[in-house]
Amino acid sequence: MNHVEKLTKKAVQKFTNERVSVHSELESNLGLDSLDTIELLMELEHQLNIQIPDNYLHERLGSDWKKATVQQWIEAVSEKHYQ
């Protein structure tokens, strides 16, 4: 497990009592809402000292970020982090 994957899973876990796996969808499996996903984004930006524009997430995750899986978030954040 790489650094970004660990941080992403840890950040997601702050918003749910459910077990977080890479296959979990933020909304349907973990119960995150729109506000939670925005806070998750801000947390990851802070932890990794990066900026992730909204349009980038729309391109990578689709227009409804909360329906994305943890793995999709890890991939999107990793791509931005290692640019």
Protein backbone atom coordinates (compact mmCIF):
# COMPACT_ATOMS: atom_id res chain seq x y z
CA MET A 1 0.00 0.00 0.00
CA ASN A 2 1.50 3.34 -1.03
CA HIS A 3 1.48 6.64 0.84
CA VAL A 4 -1.48 8.15 -1.04
CA GLU A 5 -3.56 5.00 -0.62
CA LYS A 6 -2.94 4.95 3.14
CA LEU A 7 -3.79 8.65 3.51
CA THR A 8 -6.91 8.35 1.37
CA LYS A 9 -8.26 5.35 3.28
CA LYS A 10 -7.47 7.03 6.61
CA ALA A 11 -9.19 10.25 5.49
CA VAL A 12 -12.29 8.37 4.27
CA GLN A 13 -12.46 6.45 7.56
CA LYS A 14 -12.92 9.76 9.44
CA PHE A 15 -16.35 10.11 7.81
CA THR A 16 -17.78 6.64 8.40
CA ASN A 17 -18.08 3.85 10.93
CA GLU A 18 -18.16 1.28 8.13
CA ARG A 19 -15.13 -0.78 7.09
CA VAL A 20 -13.36 1.02 4.26
CA SER A 21 -12.12 -1.02 1.32
CA VAL A 22 -10.92 0.09 -2.10
CA HIS A 23 -14.17 -1.27 -3.57
CA SER A 24 -16.44 0.76 -1.26
CA GLU A 25 -18.54 3.48 -2.87
CA LEU A 26 -18.46 6.65 -0.80
CA GLU A 27 -22.21 7.19 -0.74
CA SER A 28 -23.92 3.81 -1.01
CA ASN A 29 -21.45 1.70 1.01
CA LEU A 30 -19.93 4.23 3.41
CA GLY A 31 -22.76 6.76 3.82
CA LEU A 32 -20.83 9.89 2.81
CA ASP A 33 -22.88 12.82 1.54
CA SER A 34 -21.90 15.78 -0.63
CA LEU A 35 -20.54 17.81 2.27
CA ASP A 36 -18.47 14.84 3.42
CA THR A 37 -16.89 14.47 -0.02
CA ILE A 38 -15.97 18.16 -0.09
CA GLU A 39 -14.42 17.84 3.36
CA LEU A 40 -12.61 14.69 2.20
CA LEU A 41 -11.19 16.58 -0.77
CA MET A 42 -10.02 19.41 1.48
CA GLU A 43 -8.46 16.93 3.91
CA LEU A 44 -6.52 15.19 1.14
CA GLU A 45 -5.36 18.49 -0.33
CA HIS A 46 -4.11 19.55 3.10
CA GLN A 47 -2.45 16.22 3.94
CA LEU A 48 -0.66 16.00 0.59
CA ASN A 49 -0.07 19.72 0.12
CA ILE A 50 -1.67 19.73 -3.35
CA GLN A 51 -4.55 21.47 -5.09
CA ILE A 52 -7.18 19.36 -6.82
CA PRO A 53 -9.48 21.48 -9.03
CA ASP A 54 -13.18 20.56 -9.22
CA ASN A 55 -12.99 20.12 -12.99
CA TYR A 56 -10.19 17.58 -12.53
CA LEU A 57 -12.39 15.47 -10.25
CA HIS A 58 -15.31 15.76 -12.66
CA GLU A 59 -13.06 14.40 -15.43
CA ARG A 60 -11.65 11.58 -13.28
CA LEU A 61 -14.64 10.63 -11.12
CA GLY A 62 -17.66 11.87 -13.03
CA SER A 63 -20.07 14.58 -12.01
CA ASP A 64 -21.22 12.80 -8.85
CA TRP A 65 -18.04 12.26 -6.81
CA LYS A 66 -19.81 10.50 -3.94
CA LYS A 67 -20.73 7.58 -6.19
CA ALA A 68 -17.04 6.90 -6.88
CA THR A 69 -15.17 4.11 -5.15
CA VAL A 70 -12.31 4.60 -2.74
CA GLN A 71 -10.01 3.12 -5.42
CA GLN A 72 -11.13 5.75 -7.93
CA TRP A 73 -10.34 8.46 -5.40
CA ILE A 74 -6.93 6.91 -4.70
CA GLU A 75 -6.13 6.85 -8.43
CA ALA A 76 -7.27 10.44 -8.99
CA VAL A 77 -5.39 11.79 -5.97
CA SER A 78 -2.27 9.75 -6.80
CA GLU A 79 -2.21 11.09 -10.33
CA LYS A 80 -2.43 14.67 -9.07
CA HIS A 81 0.06 14.08 -6.24
CA TYR A 82 2.75 12.56 -8.44
CA GLN A 83 2.46 15.13 -11.26
